Amino acid sequence: MTGAIQSLQYAEEEGRLRRFFQRRLRNREDAADATQETFLRMLSLPATTIIENPQAYLFQVARSVASGVVARRVADAGLFAPGTDGVDLADDAPGQERIVAARQGLLLMARAIRELPNRCQTVFILSRLHGLPNGEIATRLGISRNMVEKHIIRALLACRKVRAELSL
């Protein structure tokens, strides 16, 4: 190791550097990489280099590394920013036809659920919309777990029937 690194307590300085980078970069992985980069730069100093205040020099190198990371982030963000040259970019948003078809399908599905007996509707909504486990639904409604499962199966069959009709 060089004289500058030898005069520093590595473990103590590593913790300080990591906290310094985490505050500046707000990313644990970037902080770890920047910490290693800083020590690498310190180790690459010629052995004959004399540094009066190694800790101050270490943090000066760290500020330089942090500036480089931020500059790379800004440059990378520019690469992936949407173009403003008037060229249409690919869009994952569904088209109007698909939106209308999905809304109609949702209305048909809601109608199928509304046509179920009240208890079956309640069980299905508690299970699928609220995510409650079957045991909790059974306890809430005062019915057996087996009955909860039967209600869910009945509702799912009704939904499957609507889905099959939409596929035609």
Protein backbone atom coordinates (compact mmCIF):
# COMPACT_ATOMS: atom_id res chain seq x y z
CA MET A 1 0.00 0.00 0.00
CA THR A 2 1.08 3.56 -0.52
CA GLY A 3 2.06 5.82 2.33
CA ALA A 4 -1.20 7.76 2.09
CA ILE A 5 -3.33 4.67 2.49
CA GLN A 6 -1.07 3.22 5.19
CA SER A 7 -1.57 6.25 7.40
CA LEU A 8 -5.37 5.88 7.18
CA GLN A 9 -7.31 3.25 9.05
CA TYR A 10 -8.95 1.45 6.11
CA ALA A 11 -12.05 0.10 7.88
CA GLU A 12 -12.76 3.40 9.62
CA GLU A 13 -12.33 5.43 6.46
CA GLU A 14 -14.37 2.95 4.40
CA GLY A 15 -17.39 3.46 6.66
CA ARG A 16 -17.05 7.24 6.47
CA LEU A 17 -16.63 7.17 2.70
CA ARG A 18 -19.63 4.89 2.23
CA ARG A 19 -21.83 7.20 4.33
CA PHE A 20 -20.49 10.20 2.40
CA PHE A 21 -21.42 8.57 -0.93
CA GLN A 22 -24.81 7.33 0.28
CA ARG A 23 -25.75 10.88 1.28
CA ARG A 24 -24.57 12.28 -2.05
CA LEU A 25 -25.61 9.53 -4.45
CA ARG A 26 -28.64 8.12 -2.60
CA ASN A 27 -27.98 4.64 -3.94
CA ARG A 28 -26.30 1.86 -1.96
CA GLU A 29 -24.74 0.14 -5.00
CA ASP A 30 -23.37 3.39 -6.42
CA ALA A 31 -21.99 4.26 -2.97
CA ALA A 32 -20.18 0.92 -2.75
CA ASP A 33 -18.76 1.33 -6.27
CA ALA A 34 -17.68 4.90 -5.59
CA THR A 35 -15.99 3.85 -2.34
CA GLN A 36 -13.97 1.22 -4.20
CA GLU A 37 -13.14 3.71 -6.96
CA THR A 38 -11.85 6.18 -4.38
CA PHE A 39 -9.58 3.62 -2.73
CA LEU A 40 -8.40 2.45 -6.14
CA ARG A 41 -7.40 6.00 -7.04
CA MET A 42 -5.59 6.36 -3.73
CA LEU A 43 -3.74 3.08 -4.29
CA SER A 44 -2.70 4.16 -7.78
CA LEU A 45 -0.79 7.16 -6.41
CA PRO A 46 2.98 6.80 -6.82
CA ALA A 47 4.62 5.45 -3.66
CA THR A 48 6.78 8.55 -3.49
CA THR A 49 3.77 10.87 -3.20
CA ILE A 50 3.77 12.72 0.09
CA ILE A 51 0.39 13.85 1.37
CA GLU A 52 0.32 16.01 4.49
CA ASN A 53 -3.33 15.32 5.37
CA PRO A 54 -4.33 11.91 3.96
CA GLN A 55 -7.91 12.07 5.22
CA ALA A 56 -8.55 15.46 3.60
CA TYR A 57 -6.97 14.21 0.37
CA LEU A 58 -9.08 11.04 0.49
CA PHE A 59 -12.28 13.08 0.72
CA GLN A 60 -11.12 15.40 -2.05
CA VAL A 61 -10.72 12.33 -4.25
CA ALA A 62 -14.15 11.13 -3.05
CA ARG A 63 -15.78 14.44 -4.10
CA SER A 64 -14.21 14.04 -7.52
CA VAL A 65 -15.54 10.47 -7.81
CA ALA A 66 -19.02 11.59 -6.70
CA SER A 67 -19.02 14.37 -9.31
CA GLY A 68 -18.10 11.82 -11.97
CA VAL A 69 -20.94 9.50 -10.94
CA VAL A 70 -23.47 12.34 -11.03
CA ALA A 71 -22.18 13.49 -14.43
CA ARG A 72 -22.55 9.94 -15.80
CA ARG A 73 -26.10 9.75 -14.44
CA VAL A 74 -27.02 13.00 -16.18
CA ALA A 75 -25.46 11.82 -19.44
CA ASP A 76 -27.24 8.45 -19.20
CA ALA A 77 -30.56 10.15 -18.49
CA GLY A 78 -30.13 12.18 -21.67
CA LEU A 79 -29.64 9.01 -23.69
CA PHE A 80 -32.96 7.58 -22.59
CA ALA A 81 -35.05 10.76 -22.58
CA PRO A 82 -37.88 10.87 -25.12
CA GLY A 83 -36.88 12.64 -28.30
CA THR A 84 -38.22 16.06 -29.10
CA ASP A 85 -37.53 15.85 -32.80
CA GLY A 86 -41.14 15.06 -33.68
CA VAL A 87 -40.52 11.37 -34.23
CA ASP A 88 -43.24 9.20 -32.79
CA LEU A 89 -41.97 6.82 -30.17
CA ALA A 90 -43.38 3.41 -29.42
CA ASP A 91 -46.19 3.62 -26.91
CA ASP A 92 -47.30 0.81 -24.63
CA ALA A 93 -50.62 2.50 -23.90
CA PRO A 94 -53.59 0.60 -25.31
CA GLY A 95 -55.49 2.07 -28.27
CA GLN A 96 -59.06 3.33 -28.04
CA GLU A 97 -60.54 0.11 -29.44
CA ARG A 98 -58.81 -1.96 -26.81
CA ILE A 99 -59.93 0.40 -24.05
CA VAL A 100 -63.56 0.23 -25.19
CA ALA A 101 -63.44 -3.57 -25.47
CA ALA A 102 -61.91 -3.87 -22.00
CA ARG A 103 -64.57 -1.61 -20.48
CA GLN A 104 -67.33 -3.63 -22.13
CA GLY A 105 -65.78 -6.85 -20.85
CA LEU A 106 -65.54 -5.37 -17.37
CA LEU A 107 -69.20 -4.37 -17.47
CA LEU A 108 -70.19 -7.90 -18.55
CA MET A 109 -68.05 -9.38 -15.78
CA ALA A 110 -69.64 -7.03 -13.20
CA ARG A 111 -73.11 -8.01 -14.44
CA ALA A 112 -72.25 -11.71 -14.09
CA ILE A 113 -71.10 -11.14 -10.52
CA ARG A 114 -74.22 -9.06 -9.74
CA GLU A 115 -76.40 -11.94 -10.95
CA LEU A 116 -74.84 -14.31 -8.41
CA PRO A 117 -76.68 -14.93 -5.13
CA ASN A 118 -75.81 -12.32 -2.46
CA ARG A 119 -73.70 -14.64 -0.30
CA CYS A 120 -71.76 -15.84 -3.36
CA GLN A 121 -71.14 -12.22 -4.43
CA THR A 122 -69.92 -11.28 -0.95
CA VAL A 123 -67.55 -14.26 -0.73
CA PHE A 124 -66.16 -13.58 -4.19
CA ILE A 125 -65.59 -9.88 -3.50
CA LEU A 126 -63.92 -10.56 -0.14
CA SER A 127 -61.69 -13.17 -1.75
CA ARG A 128 -60.72 -11.61 -5.05
CA LEU A 129 -61.01 -7.87 -4.46
CA HIS A 130 -60.02 -7.65 -0.79
CA GLY A 131 -57.63 -10.63 -0.86
CA LEU A 132 -58.91 -12.24 2.32
CA PRO A 133 -58.03 -15.89 2.98
CA ASN A 134 -60.86 -18.43 2.86
CA GLY A 135 -60.67 -19.11 6.60
CA GLU A 136 -61.14 -15.46 7.47
CA ILE A 137 -64.07 -15.14 5.06
CA ALA A 138 -65.69 -18.20 6.65
CA THR A 139 -65.27 -16.70 10.12
CA ARG A 140 -66.61 -13.29 9.08
CA LEU A 141 -69.67 -14.71 7.39
CA GLY A 142 -70.29 -17.57 9.82
CA ILE A 143 -70.10 -20.28 7.18
CA SER A 144 -67.81 -23.25 6.65
CA ARG A 145 -64.56 -22.95 4.75
CA ASN A 146 -65.89 -25.60 2.35
CA MET A 147 -68.89 -23.37 1.59
CA VAL A 148 -66.55 -20.42 0.93
CA GLU A 149 -64.68 -22.52 -1.62
CA LYS A 150 -67.95 -23.57 -3.29
CA HIS A 151 -69.05 -19.92 -3.60
CA ILE A 152 -65.69 -18.95 -5.11
CA ILE A 153 -65.87 -21.81 -7.62
CA ARG A 154 -69.40 -20.79 -8.63
CA ALA A 155 -68.34 -17.17 -9.14
CA LEU A 156 -65.24 -18.17 -11.10
CA LEU A 157 -67.32 -20.38 -13.38
CA ALA A 158 -69.64 -17.45 -14.06
CA CYS A 159 -66.64 -15.24 -14.87
CA ARG A 160 -65.12 -17.95 -17.09
CA LYS A 161 -68.38 -18.17 -19.03
CA VAL A 162 -68.35 -14.40 -19.67
CA ARG A 163 -64.72 -14.60 -20.75
CA ALA A 164 -65.49 -17.41 -23.17
CA GLU A 165 -68.32 -15.35 -24.66
CA LEU A 166 -65.96 -12.38 -25.10
CA SER A 167 -63.46 -14.57 -26.97
CA LEU A 168 -66.03 -15.54 -29.60
